[in-house]
Amino acid sequence: MNDEPEMKSAPGANEFSHEVGVKAARKLKAQRHVTQTVWSGLGMMGMVGWSVAVPTLLGAALGLWLDARYPGGRSWTLALLALGLALGCFNAWHWVAKEDREIHEQDRNSDE
């Protein structure tokens, strides 16, 4: 016979300890990948900047060319600059949303 008292765990204790373990593992993983996160964050800022700047500048350049070739009452430069900016912002939003989905998917897969 065993002289030690039988200890019963409180309801939900296993669930709580599992959650603590998962969060601790996530924290350790994040600490190991700090430099990768910093560089990927800087890279993302650069990609967002270029994805807005390039279409905007291309639109302005095409507009200047059209204004020089076909002078008129309307400014092609201004119109194509705005169009390039809108396309660049849409492109950046689409790219950031895709990256965000992939990050959340990786987090969900690592939690399982």
PDB file of N, CA and C in Angstrom:
ATOM      1  N   MET A   1       0.822  -1.190   0.000  1.00  0.00           N
ATOM      2  CA  MET A   1       0.000   0.000   0.000  1.00  0.00           C
ATOM      3  C   MET A   1       0.858   1.241   0.000  1.00  0.00           C
ATOM      4  N   ASN A   2       0.343   2.272  -0.607  1.00  0.00           N
ATOM      5  CA  ASN A   2       1.051   3.540  -0.720  1.00  0.00           C
ATOM      6  C   ASN A   2       0.596   4.459   0.399  1.00  0.00           C
ATOM      7  N   ASP A   3       1.541   5.031   1.161  1.00  0.00           N
ATOM      8  CA  ASP A   3       1.201   5.909   2.279  1.00  0.00           C
ATOM      9  C   ASP A   3       1.019   7.358   1.842  1.00  0.00           C
ATOM     10  N   GLU A   4       1.383   7.674   0.605  1.00  0.00           N
ATOM     11  CA  GLU A   4       1.269   9.055   0.142  1.00  0.00           C
ATOM     12  C   GLU A   4      -0.184   9.358  -0.209  1.00  0.00           C
ATOM     13  N   PRO A   5      -0.641  10.573   0.147  1.00  0.00           N
ATOM     14  CA  PRO A   5      -2.030  10.935  -0.187  1.00  0.00           C
ATOM     15  C   PRO A   5      -2.175  11.121  -1.694  1.00  0.00           C
ATOM     16  N   GLU A   6      -3.300  10.731  -2.184  1.00  0.00           N
ATOM     17  CA  GLU A   6      -3.569  10.841  -3.616  1.00  0.00           C
ATOM     18  C   GLU A   6      -3.965  12.274  -3.931  1.00  0.00           C
ATOM     19  N   MET A   7      -3.259  12.879  -4.904  1.00  0.00           N
ATOM     20  CA  MET A   7      -3.533  14.278  -5.247  1.00  0.00           C
ATOM     21  C   MET A   7      -4.344  14.312  -6.533  1.00  0.00           C
ATOM     22  N   LYS A   8      -5.425  15.029  -6.490  1.00  0.00           N
ATOM     23  CA  LYS A   8      -6.260  15.198  -7.674  1.00  0.00           C
ATOM     24  C   LYS A   8      -6.010  16.585  -8.241  1.00  0.00           C
ATOM     25  N   SER A   9      -5.888  16.660  -9.559  1.00  0.00           N
ATOM     26  CA  SER A   9      -5.664  17.961 -10.178  1.00  0.00           C
ATOM     27  C   SER A   9      -6.994  18.694 -10.306  1.00  0.00           C
ATOM     28  N   ALA A  10      -6.905  19.992 -10.206  1.00  0.00           N
ATOM     29  CA  ALA A  10      -8.087  20.832 -10.314  1.00  0.00           C
ATOM     30  C   ALA A  10      -8.609  20.764 -11.747  1.00  0.00           C
ATOM     31  N   PRO A  11      -9.906  20.966 -11.926  1.00  0.00           N
ATOM     32  CA  PRO A  11     -10.449  20.952 -13.283  1.00  0.00           C
ATOM     33  C   PRO A  11      -9.799  22.051 -14.129  1.00  0.00           C
ATOM     34  N   GLY A  12      -9.333  21.681 -15.292  1.00  0.00           N
ATOM     35  CA  GLY A  12      -8.717  22.651 -16.190  1.00  0.00           C
ATOM     36  C   GLY A  12      -7.236  22.853 -15.954  1.00  0.00           C
ATOM     37  N   ALA A  13      -6.644  22.157 -14.982  1.00  0.00           N
ATOM     38  CA  ALA A  13      -5.225  22.344 -14.675  1.00  0.00           C
ATOM     39  C   ALA A  13      -4.359  21.862 -15.837  1.00  0.00           C
ATOM     40  N   ASN A  14      -4.724  20.734 -16.443  1.00  0.00           N
ATOM     41  CA  ASN A  14      -3.958  20.240 -17.592  1.00  0.00           C
ATOM     42  C   ASN A  14      -4.032  21.217 -18.759  1.00  0.00           C
ATOM     43  N   GLU A  15      -5.196  21.788 -18.967  1.00  0.00           N
ATOM     44  CA  GLU A  15      -5.377  22.762 -20.039  1.00  0.00           C
ATOM     45  C   GLU A  15      -4.529  24.007 -19.781  1.00  0.00           C
ATOM     46  N   PHE A  16      -4.519  24.453 -18.517  1.00  0.00           N
ATOM     47  CA  PHE A  16      -3.735  25.627 -18.148  1.00  0.00           C
ATOM     48  C   PHE A  16      -2.243  25.371 -18.328  1.00  0.00           C
ATOM     49  N   SER A  17      -1.771  24.217 -17.870  1.00  0.00           N
ATOM     50  CA  SER A  17      -0.348  23.910 -17.996  1.00  0.00           C
ATOM     51  C   SER A  17       0.054  23.772 -19.470  1.00  0.00           C
ATOM     52  N   HIS A  18      -0.857  23.259 -20.276  1.00  0.00           N
ATOM     53  CA  HIS A  18      -0.584  23.165 -21.714  1.00  0.00           C
ATOM     54  C   HIS A  18      -0.443  24.565 -22.317  1.00  0.00           C
ATOM     55  N   GLU A  19      -1.353  25.481 -21.968  1.00  0.00           N
ATOM     56  CA  GLU A  19      -1.290  26.854 -22.468  1.00  0.00           C
ATOM     57  C   GLU A  19       0.003  27.541 -22.039  1.00  0.00           C
ATOM     58  N   VAL A  20       0.415  27.327 -20.788  1.00  0.00           N
ATOM     59  CA  VAL A  20       1.661  27.923 -20.295  1.00  0.00           C
ATOM     60  C   VAL A  20       2.845  27.371 -21.090  1.00  0.00           C
ATOM     61  N   GLY A  21       2.847  26.075 -21.337  1.00  0.00           N
ATOM     62  CA  GLY A  21       3.912  25.462 -22.114  1.00  0.00           C
ATOM     63  C   GLY A  21       3.989  26.003 -23.533  1.00  0.00           C
ATOM     64  N   VAL A  22       2.839  26.181 -24.160  1.00  0.00           N
ATOM     65  CA  VAL A  22       2.789  26.697 -25.527  1.00  0.00           C
ATOM     66  C   VAL A  22       3.316  28.128 -25.572  1.00  0.00           C
ATOM     67  N   LYS A  23       2.899  28.939 -24.602  1.00  0.00           N
ATOM     68  CA  LYS A  23       3.350  30.333 -24.584  1.00  0.00           C
ATOM     69  C   LYS A  23       4.838  30.430 -24.281  1.00  0.00           C
ATOM     70  N   ALA A  24       5.343  29.585 -23.415  1.00  0.00           N
ATOM     71  CA  ALA A  24       6.774  29.585 -23.116  1.00  0.00           C
ATOM     72  C   ALA A  24       7.578  29.171 -24.350  1.00  0.00           C
ATOM     73  N   ALA A  25       7.107  28.176 -25.053  1.00  0.00           N
ATOM     74  CA  ALA A  25       7.798  27.738 -26.273  1.00  0.00           C
ATOM     75  C   ALA A  25       7.788  28.842 -27.331  1.00  0.00           C
ATOM     76  N   ARG A  26       6.668  29.542 -27.467  1.00  0.00           N
ATOM     77  CA  ARG A  26       6.570  30.638 -28.421  1.00  0.00           C
ATOM     78  C   ARG A  26       7.538  31.766 -28.051  1.00  0.00           C
ATOM     79  N   LYS A  27       7.647  32.049 -26.749  1.00  0.00           N
ATOM     80  CA  LYS A  27       8.557  33.107 -26.295  1.00  0.00           C
ATOM     81  C   LYS A  27      10.009  32.731 -26.578  1.00  0.00           C
ATOM     82  N   LEU A  28      10.377  31.492 -26.324  1.00  0.00           N
ATOM     83  CA  LEU A  28      11.742  31.042 -26.599  1.00  0.00           C
ATOM     84  C   LEU A  28      12.046  31.101 -28.095  1.00  0.00           C
ATOM     85  N   LYS A  29      11.082  30.707 -28.901  1.00  0.00           N
ATOM     86  CA  LYS A  29      11.271  30.751 -30.352  1.00  0.00           C
ATOM     87  C   LYS A  29      11.448  32.194 -30.819  1.00  0.00           C
ATOM     88  N   ALA A  30      10.673  33.100 -30.258  1.00  0.00           N
ATOM     89  CA  ALA A  30      10.772  34.512 -30.637  1.00  0.00           C
ATOM     90  C   ALA A  30      12.122  35.090 -30.228  1.00  0.00           C
ATOM     91  N   GLN A  31      12.639  34.694 -29.070  1.00  0.00           N
ATOM     92  CA  GLN A  31      13.939  35.191 -28.630  1.00  0.00           C
ATOM     93  C   GLN A  31      15.058  34.692 -29.529  1.00  0.00           C
ATOM     94  N   ARG A  32      14.930  33.503 -30.047  1.00  0.00           N
ATOM     95  CA  ARG A  32      15.953  32.959 -30.938  1.00  0.00           C
ATOM     96  C   ARG A  32      15.947  33.631 -32.297  1.00  0.00           C
ATOM     97  N   HIS A  33      14.810  34.142 -32.725  1.00  0.00           N
ATOM     98  CA  HIS A  33      14.673  34.695 -34.070  1.00  0.00           C
ATOM     99  C   HIS A  33      14.547  36.215 -34.064  1.00  0.00           C
ATOM    100  N   VAL A  34      15.113  36.891 -33.054  1.00  0.00           N
ATOM    101  CA  VAL A  34      14.994  38.348 -32.966  1.00  0.00           C
ATOM    102  C   VAL A  34      15.684  39.025 -34.143  1.00  0.00           C
ATOM    103  N   THR A  35      16.900  38.624 -34.445  1.00  0.00           N
ATOM    104  CA  THR A  35      17.613  39.289 -35.534  1.00  0.00           C
ATOM    105  C   THR A  35      16.929  39.033 -36.871  1.00  0.00           C
ATOM    106  N   GLN A  36      16.425  37.827 -37.061  1.00  0.00           N
ATOM    107  CA  GLN A  36      15.711  37.530 -38.298  1.00  0.00           C
ATOM    108  C   GLN A  36      14.462  38.401 -38.404  1.00  0.00           C
ATOM    109  N   THR A  37      13.776  38.613 -37.294  1.00  0.00           N
ATOM    110  CA  THR A  37      12.565  39.420 -37.285  1.00  0.00           C
ATOM    111  C   THR A  37      12.881  40.875 -37.610  1.00  0.00           C
ATOM    112  N   VAL A  38      13.969  41.400 -37.029  1.00  0.00           N
ATOM    113  CA  VAL A  38      14.339  42.785 -37.280  1.00  0.00           C
ATOM    114  C   VAL A  38      14.658  42.987 -38.757  1.00  0.00           C
ATOM    115  N   TRP A  39      15.474  42.098 -39.318  1.00  0.00           N
ATOM    116  CA  TRP A  39      15.838  42.245 -40.725  1.00  0.00           C
ATOM    117  C   TRP A  39      14.646  42.031 -41.640  1.00  0.00           C
ATOM    118  N   SER A  40      13.782  41.089 -41.300  1.00  0.00           N
ATOM    119  CA  SER A  40      12.617  40.879 -42.161  1.00  0.00           C
ATOM    120  C   SER A  40      11.664  42.065 -42.060  1.00  0.00           C
ATOM    121  N   GLY A  41      11.586  42.689 -40.888  1.00  0.00           N
ATOM    122  CA  GLY A  41      10.759  43.893 -40.741  1.00  0.00           C
ATOM    123  C   GLY A  41      11.291  45.045 -41.570  1.00  0.00           C
ATOM    124  N   LEU A  42      12.611  45.226 -41.546  1.00  0.00           N
ATOM    125  CA  LEU A  42      13.220  46.279 -42.373  1.00  0.00           C
ATOM    126  C   LEU A  42      13.033  45.977 -43.854  1.00  0.00           C
ATOM    127  N   GLY A  43      13.173  44.716 -44.210  1.00  0.00           N
ATOM    128  CA  GLY A  43      12.957  44.325 -45.598  1.00  0.00           C
ATOM    129  C   GLY A  43      11.534  44.584 -46.042  1.00  0.00           C
ATOM    130  N   MET A  44      10.579  44.321 -45.150  1.00  0.00           N
ATOM    131  CA  MET A  44       9.175  44.544 -45.486  1.00  0.00           C
ATOM    132  C   MET A  44       8.913  46.032 -45.694  1.00  0.00           C
ATOM    133  N   MET A  45       9.508  46.873 -44.830  1.00  0.00           N
ATOM    134  CA  MET A  45       9.323  48.319 -45.005  1.00  0.00           C
ATOM    135  C   MET A  45       9.895  48.767 -46.343  1.00  0.00           C
ATOM    136  N   GLY A  46      11.055  48.222 -46.709  1.00  0.00           N
ATOM    137  CA  GLY A  46      11.649  48.567 -47.994  1.00  0.00           C
ATOM    138  C   GLY A  46      10.797  48.127 -49.160  1.00  0.00           C
ATOM    139  N   MET A  47      10.247  46.909 -49.071  1.00  0.00           N
ATOM    140  CA  MET A  47       9.396  46.408 -50.154  1.00  0.00           C
ATOM    141  C   MET A  47       8.124  47.246 -50.287  1.00  0.00           C
ATOM    142  N   VAL A  48       7.540  47.623 -49.159  1.00  0.00           N
ATOM    143  CA  VAL A  48       6.331  48.443 -49.209  1.00  0.00           C
ATOM    144  C   VAL A  48       6.656  49.797 -49.833  1.00  0.00           C
ATOM    145  N   GLY A  49       7.774  50.382 -49.432  1.00  0.00           N
ATOM    146  CA  GLY A  49       8.167  51.674 -49.989  1.00  0.00           C
ATOM    147  C   GLY A  49       8.395  51.619 -51.489  1.00  0.00           C
ATOM    148  N   TRP A  50       9.140  50.615 -51.928  1.00  0.00           N
ATOM    149  CA  TRP A  50       9.412  50.487 -53.361  1.00  0.00           C
ATOM    150  C   TRP A  50       8.158  50.133 -54.140  1.00  0.00           C
ATOM    151  N   SER A  51       7.273  49.331 -53.547  1.00  0.00           N
ATOM    152  CA  SER A  51       6.068  48.945 -54.284  1.00  0.00           C
ATOM    153  C   SER A  51       5.114  50.127 -54.466  1.00  0.00           C
ATOM    154  N   VAL A  52       5.274  51.178 -53.666  1.00  0.00           N
ATOM    155  CA  VAL A  52       4.478  52.398 -53.859  1.00  0.00           C
ATOM    156  C   VAL A  52       5.240  53.384 -54.744  1.00  0.00           C
ATOM    157  N   ALA A  53       6.546  53.516 -54.507  1.00  0.00           N
ATOM    158  CA  ALA A  53       7.338  54.530 -55.209  1.00  0.00           C
ATOM    159  C   ALA A  53       7.486  54.229 -56.701  1.00  0.00           C
ATOM    160  N   VAL A  54       7.742  52.982 -57.054  1.00  0.00           N
ATOM    161  CA  VAL A  54       8.010  52.649 -58.459  1.00  0.00           C
ATOM    162  C   VAL A  54       6.803  52.933 -59.360  1.00  0.00           C
ATOM    163  N   PRO A  55       5.594  52.447 -59.045  1.00  0.00           N
ATOM    164  CA  PRO A  55       4.465  52.775 -59.936  1.00  0.00           C
ATOM    165  C   PRO A  55       4.158  54.274 -59.974  1.00  0.00           C
ATOM    166  N   THR A  56       4.372  54.966 -58.849  1.00  0.00           N
ATOM    167  CA  THR A  56       4.125  56.407 -58.818  1.00  0.00           C
ATOM    168  C   THR A  56       5.083  57.133 -59.758  1.00  0.00           C
ATOM    169  N   LEU A  57       6.368  56.788 -59.683  1.00  0.00           N
ATOM    170  CA  LEU A  57       7.360  57.434 -60.548  1.00  0.00           C
ATOM    171  C   LEU A  57       7.170  57.056 -62.015  1.00  0.00           C
ATOM    172  N   LEU A  58       6.809  55.800 -62.263  1.00  0.00           N
ATOM    173  CA  LEU A  58       6.545  55.396 -63.649  1.00  0.00           C
ATOM    174  C   LEU A  58       5.341  56.146 -64.217  1.00  0.00           C
ATOM    175  N   GLY A  59       4.308  56.313 -63.412  1.00  0.00           N
ATOM    176  CA  GLY A  59       3.137  57.075 -63.862  1.00  0.00           C
ATOM    177  C   GLY A  59       3.485  58.519 -64.150  1.00  0.00           C
ATOM    178  N   ALA A  60       4.302  59.125 -63.279  1.00  0.00           N
ATOM    179  CA  ALA A  60       4.710  60.512 -63.503  1.00  0.00           C
ATOM    180  C   ALA A  60       5.566  60.629 -64.765  1.00  0.00           C
ATOM    181  N   ALA A  61       6.485  59.689 -64.964  1.00  0.00           N
ATOM    182  CA  ALA A  61       7.346  59.733 -66.151  1.00  0.00           C
ATOM    183  C   ALA A  61       6.529  59.578 -67.431  1.00  0.00           C
ATOM    184  N   LEU A  62       5.599  58.640 -67.432  1.00  0.00           N
ATOM    185  CA  LEU A  62       4.745  58.456 -68.608  1.00  0.00           C
ATOM    186  C   LEU A  62       3.888  59.698 -68.842  1.00  0.00           C
ATOM    187  N   GLY A  63       3.400  60.291 -67.752  1.00  0.00           N
ATOM    188  CA  GLY A  63       2.609  61.514 -67.876  1.00  0.00           C
ATOM    189  C   GLY A  63       3.413  62.669 -68.445  1.00  0.00           C
ATOM    190  N   LEU A  64       4.656  62.820 -68.000  1.00  0.00           N
ATOM    191  CA  LEU A  64       5.526  63.868 -68.562  1.00  0.00           C
ATOM    192  C   LEU A  64       5.761  63.640 -70.054  1.00  0.00           C
ATOM    193  N   TRP A  65       5.990  62.401 -70.425  1.00  0.00           N
ATOM    194  CA  TRP A  65       6.212  62.079 -71.828  1.00  0.00           C
ATOM    195  C   TRP A  65       4.976  62.403 -72.666  1.00  0.00           C
ATOM    196  N   LEU A  66       3.793  62.007 -72.148  1.00  0.00           N
ATOM    197  CA  LEU A  66       2.549  62.294 -72.876  1.00  0.00           C
ATOM    198  C   LEU A  66       2.281  63.795 -72.959  1.00  0.00           C
ATOM    199  N   ASP A  67       2.558  64.539 -71.879  1.00  0.00           N
ATOM    200  CA  ASP A  67       2.355  65.988 -71.906  1.00  0.00           C
ATOM    201  C   ASP A  67       3.286  66.662 -72.914  1.00  0.00           C
ATOM    202  N   ALA A  68       4.501  66.136 -73.057  1.00  0.00           N
ATOM    203  CA  ALA A  68       5.442  66.711 -74.021  1.00  0.00           C
ATOM    204  C   ALA A  68       5.007  66.396 -75.456  1.00  0.00           C
ATOM    205  N   ARG A  69       4.446  65.222 -75.697  1.00  0.00           N
ATOM    206  CA  ARG A  69       4.042  64.808 -77.040  1.00  0.00           C
ATOM    207  C   ARG A  69       2.670  65.368 -77.446  1.00  0.00           C
ATOM    208  N   TYR A  70       1.757  65.386 -76.502  1.00  0.00           N
ATOM    209  CA  TYR A  70       0.375  65.802 -76.784  1.00  0.00           C
ATOM    210  C   TYR A  70      -0.055  66.885 -75.800  1.00  0.00           C
ATOM    211  N   PRO A  71       0.411  68.097 -75.991  1.00  0.00           N
ATOM    212  CA  PRO A  71       0.009  69.165 -75.066  1.00  0.00           C
ATOM    213  C   PRO A  71      -1.491  69.446 -75.197  1.00  0.00           C
ATOM    214  N   GLY A  72      -2.090  69.751 -74.079  1.00  0.00           N
ATOM    215  CA  GLY A  72      -3.530  70.006 -74.091  1.00  0.00           C
ATOM    216  C   GLY A  72      -3.946  70.654 -72.787  1.00  0.00           C
ATOM    217  N   GLY A  73      -5.239  70.712 -72.604  1.00  0.00           N
ATOM    218  CA  GLY A  73      -5.781  71.349 -71.403  1.00  0.00           C
ATOM    219  C   GLY A  73      -5.663  70.486 -70.160  1.00  0.00           C
ATOM    220  N   ARG A  74      -5.518  69.189 -70.347  1.00  0.00           N
ATOM    221  CA  ARG A  74      -5.441  68.284 -69.198  1.00  0.00           C
ATOM    222  C   ARG A  74      -3.996  67.864 -68.959  1.00  0.00           C
ATOM    223  N   SER A  75      -3.705  67.624 -67.708  1.00  0.00           N
ATOM    224  CA  SER A  75      -2.347  67.212 -67.345  1.00  0.00           C
ATOM    225  C   SER A  75      -2.280  65.704 -67.206  1.00  0.00           C
ATOM    226  N   TRP A  76      -1.581  65.089 -68.155  1.00  0.00           N
ATOM    227  CA  TRP A  76      -1.374  63.648 -68.064  1.00  0.00           C
ATOM    228  C   TRP A  76      -0.486  63.312 -66.872  1.00  0.00           C
ATOM    229  N   THR A  77       0.452  64.193 -66.567  1.00  0.00           N
ATOM    230  CA  THR A  77       1.394  63.936 -65.475  1.00  0.00           C
ATOM    231  C   THR A  77       0.657  63.765 -64.164  1.00  0.00           C
ATOM    232  N   LEU A  78      -0.234  64.690 -63.874  1.00  0.00           N
ATOM    233  CA  LEU A  78      -0.975  64.630 -62.617  1.00  0.00           C
ATOM    234  C   LEU A  78      -1.891  63.408 -62.560  1.00  0.00           C
ATOM    235  N   ALA A  79      -2.579  63.133 -63.644  1.00  0.00           N
ATOM    236  CA  ALA A  79      -3.508  62.001 -63.674  1.00  0.00           C
ATOM    237  C   ALA A  79      -2.772  60.674 -63.513  1.00  0.00           C
ATOM    238  N   LEU A  80      -1.671  60.495 -64.264  1.00  0.00           N
ATOM    239  CA  LEU A  80      -0.938  59.226 -64.184  1.00  0.00           C
ATOM    240  C   LEU A  80      -0.138  59.103 -62.896  1.00  0.00           C
ATOM    241  N   LEU A  81       0.262  60.232 -62.302  1.00  0.00           N
ATOM    242  CA  LEU A  81       0.908  60.204 -60.993  1.00  0.00           C
ATOM    243  C   LEU A  81      -0.070  59.665 -59.950  1.00  0.00           C
ATOM    244  N   ALA A  82      -1.294  60.173 -59.973  1.00  0.00           N
ATOM    245  CA  ALA A  82      -2.321  59.710 -59.038  1.00  0.00           C
ATOM    246  C   ALA A  82      -2.665  58.240 -59.284  1.00  0.00           C
ATOM    247  N   LEU A  83      -2.765  57.856 -60.549  1.00  0.00           N
ATOM    248  CA  LEU A  83      -3.057  56.457 -60.880  1.00  0.00           C
ATOM    249  C   LEU A  83      -1.929  55.539 -60.396  1.00  0.00           C
ATOM    250  N   GLY A  84      -0.683  55.948 -60.629  1.00  0.00           N
ATOM    251  CA  GLY A  84       0.457  55.166 -60.164  1.00  0.00           C
ATOM    252  C   GLY A  84       0.487  55.048 -58.655  1.00  0.00           C
ATOM    253  N   LEU A  85       0.168  56.124 -57.967  1.00  0.00           N
ATOM    254  CA  LEU A  85       0.118  56.097 -56.506  1.00  0.00           C
ATOM    255  C   LEU A  85      -0.968  55.147 -56.016  1.00  0.00           C
ATOM    256  N   ALA A  86      -2.137  55.204 -56.636  1.00  0.00           N
ATOM    257  CA  ALA A  86      -3.233  54.302 -56.244  1.00  0.00           C
ATOM    258  C   ALA A  86      -2.856  52.841 -56.490  1.00  0.00           C
ATOM    259  N   LEU A  87      -2.272  52.563 -57.654  1.00  0.00           N
ATOM    260  CA  LEU A  87      -1.850  51.192 -57.943  1.00  0.00           C
ATOM    261  C   LEU A  87      -0.756  50.722 -56.978  1.00  0.00           C
ATOM    262  N   GLY A  88       0.174  51.594 -56.660  1.00  0.00           N
ATOM    263  CA  GLY A  88       1.235  51.255 -55.724  1.00  0.00           C
ATOM    264  C   GLY A  88       0.699  50.969 -54.323  1.00  0.00           C
ATOM    265  N   CYS A  89      -0.244  51.777 -53.875  1.00  0.00           N
ATOM    266  CA  CYS A  89      -0.843  51.548 -52.553  1.00  0.00           C
ATOM    267  C   CYS A  89      -1.625  50.236 -52.521  1.00  0.00           C
ATOM    268  N   PHE A  90      -2.354  49.952 -53.593  1.00  0.00           N
ATOM    269  CA  PHE A  90      -3.078  48.682 -53.675  1.00  0.00           C
ATOM    270  C   PHE A  90      -2.107  47.506 -53.665  1.00  0.00           C
ATOM    271  N   ASN A  91      -1.033  47.627 -54.415  1.00  0.00           N
ATOM    272  CA  ASN A  91      -0.018  46.580 -54.480  1.00  0.00           C
ATOM    273  C   ASN A  91       0.597  46.350 -53.097  1.00  0.00           C
ATOM    274  N   ALA A  92       0.947  47.423 -52.395  1.00  0.00           N
ATOM    275  CA  ALA A  92       1.539  47.310 -51.060  1.00  0.00           C
ATOM    276  C   ALA A  92       0.550  46.675 -50.085  1.00  0.00           C
ATOM    277  N   TRP A  93      -0.708  47.099 -50.143  1.00  0.00           N
ATOM    278  CA  TRP A  93      -1.723  46.540 -49.248  1.00  0.00           C
ATOM    279  C   TRP A  93      -1.887  45.041 -49.505  1.00  0.00           C
ATOM    280  N   HIS A  94      -1.922  44.666 -50.767  1.00  0.00           N
ATOM    281  CA  HIS A  94      -2.077  43.256 -51.134  1.00  0.00           C
ATOM    282  C   HIS A  94      -0.886  42.435 -50.629  1.00  0.00           C
ATOM    283  N   TRP A  95       0.315  42.941 -50.790  1.00  0.00           N
ATOM    284  CA  TRP A  95       1.520  42.228 -50.389  1.00  0.00           C
ATOM    285  C   TRP A  95       1.594  42.085 -48.864  1.00  0.00           C
ATOM    286  N   VAL A  96       1.281  43.159 -48.134  1.00  0.00           N
ATOM    287  CA  VAL A  96       1.313  43.103 -46.667  1.00  0.00           C
ATOM    288  C   VAL A  96       0.236  42.151 -46.144  1.00  0.00           C
ATOM    289  N   ALA A  97      -0.936  42.160 -46.739  1.00  0.00           N
ATOM    290  CA  ALA A  97      -2.004  41.245 -46.315  1.00  0.00           C
ATOM    291  C   ALA A  97      -1.590  39.797 -46.545  1.00  0.00           C
ATOM    292  N   LYS A  98      -0.923  39.524 -47.656  1.00  0.00           N
ATOM    293  CA  LYS A  98      -0.451  38.164 -47.943  1.00  0.00           C
ATOM    294  C   LYS A  98       0.592  37.730 -46.917  1.00  0.00           C
ATOM    295  N   GLU A  99       1.537  38.601 -46.606  1.00  0.00           N
ATOM    296  CA  GLU A  99       2.557  38.290 -45.597  1.00  0.00           C
ATOM    297  C   GLU A  99       1.922  38.056 -44.229  1.00  0.00           C
ATOM    298  N   ASP A 100       0.925  38.872 -43.889  1.00  0.00           N
ATOM    299  CA  ASP A 100       0.242  38.726 -42.605  1.00  0.00           C
ATOM    300  C   ASP A 100      -0.464  37.375 -42.515  1.00  0.00           C
ATOM    301  N   ARG A 101      -1.122  36.963 -43.599  1.00  0.00           N
ATOM    302  CA  ARG A 101      -1.783  35.651 -43.615  1.00  0.00           C
ATOM    303  C   ARG A 101      -0.766  34.529 -43.410  1.00  0.00           C
ATOM    304  N   GLU A 102       0.381  34.634 -44.091  1.00  0.00           N
ATOM    305  CA  GLU A 102       1.404  33.593 -43.962  1.00  0.00           C
ATOM    306  C   GLU A 102       1.967  33.530 -42.550  1.00  0.00           C
ATOM    307  N   ILE A 103       2.179  34.676 -41.912  1.00  0.00           N
ATOM    308  CA  ILE A 103       2.696  34.709 -40.541  1.00  0.00           C
ATOM    309  C   ILE A 103       1.697  34.076 -39.590  1.00  0.00           C
ATOM    310  N   HIS A 104       0.423  34.432 -39.733  1.00  0.00           N
ATOM    311  CA  HIS A 104      -0.592  33.853 -38.842  1.00  0.00           C
ATOM    312  C   HIS A 104      -0.751  32.350 -39.078  1.00  0.00           C
ATOM    313  N   GLU A 105      -0.606  31.925 -40.332  1.00  0.00           N
ATOM    314  CA  GLU A 105      -0.699  30.496 -40.637  1.00  0.00           C
ATOM    315  C   GLU A 105       0.466  29.740 -39.999  1.00  0.00           C
ATOM    316  N   GLN A 106       1.664  30.314 -40.047  1.00  0.00           N
ATOM    317  CA  GLN A 106       2.821  29.691 -39.409  1.00  0.00           C
ATOM    318  C   GLN A 106       2.630  29.606 -37.900  1.00  0.00           C
ATOM    319  N   ASP A 107       2.067  30.666 -37.297  1.00  0.00           N
ATOM    320  CA  ASP A 107       1.809  30.647 -35.855  1.00  0.00           C
ATOM    321  C   ASP A 107       0.816  29.550 -35.492  1.00  0.00           C
ATOM    322  N   ARG A 108      -0.248  29.429 -36.307  1.00  0.00           N
ATOM    323  CA  ARG A 108      -1.241  28.382 -36.027  1.00  0.00           C
ATOM    324  C   ARG A 108      -0.631  26.991 -36.172  1.00  0.00           C
ATOM    325  N   ASN A 109       0.216  26.809 -37.181  1.00  0.00           N
ATOM    326  CA  ASN A 109       0.837  25.499 -37.387  1.00  0.00           C
ATOM    327  C   ASN A 109       1.837  25.165 -36.284  1.00  0.00           C
ATOM    328  N   SER A 110       2.546  26.162 -35.756  1.00  0.00           N
ATOM    329  CA  SER A 110       3.510  25.902 -34.694  1.00  0.00           C
ATOM    330  C   SER A 110       2.832  25.652 -33.353  1.00  0.00           C
ATOM    331  N   ASP A 111       1.600  26.141 -33.194  1.00  0.00           N
ATOM    332  CA  ASP A 111       0.867  25.917 -31.944  1.00  0.00           C
ATOM    333  C   ASP A 111       0.318  24.502 -31.853  1.00  0.00           C
ATOM    334  N   GLU A 112       0.145  23.867 -32.975  1.00  0.00           N
ATOM    335  CA  GLU A 112      -0.468  22.520 -32.978  1.00  0.00           C
ATOM    336  C   GLU A 112       0.527  21.454 -32.636  1.00  0.00           C
TER     337      GLU A 112
END
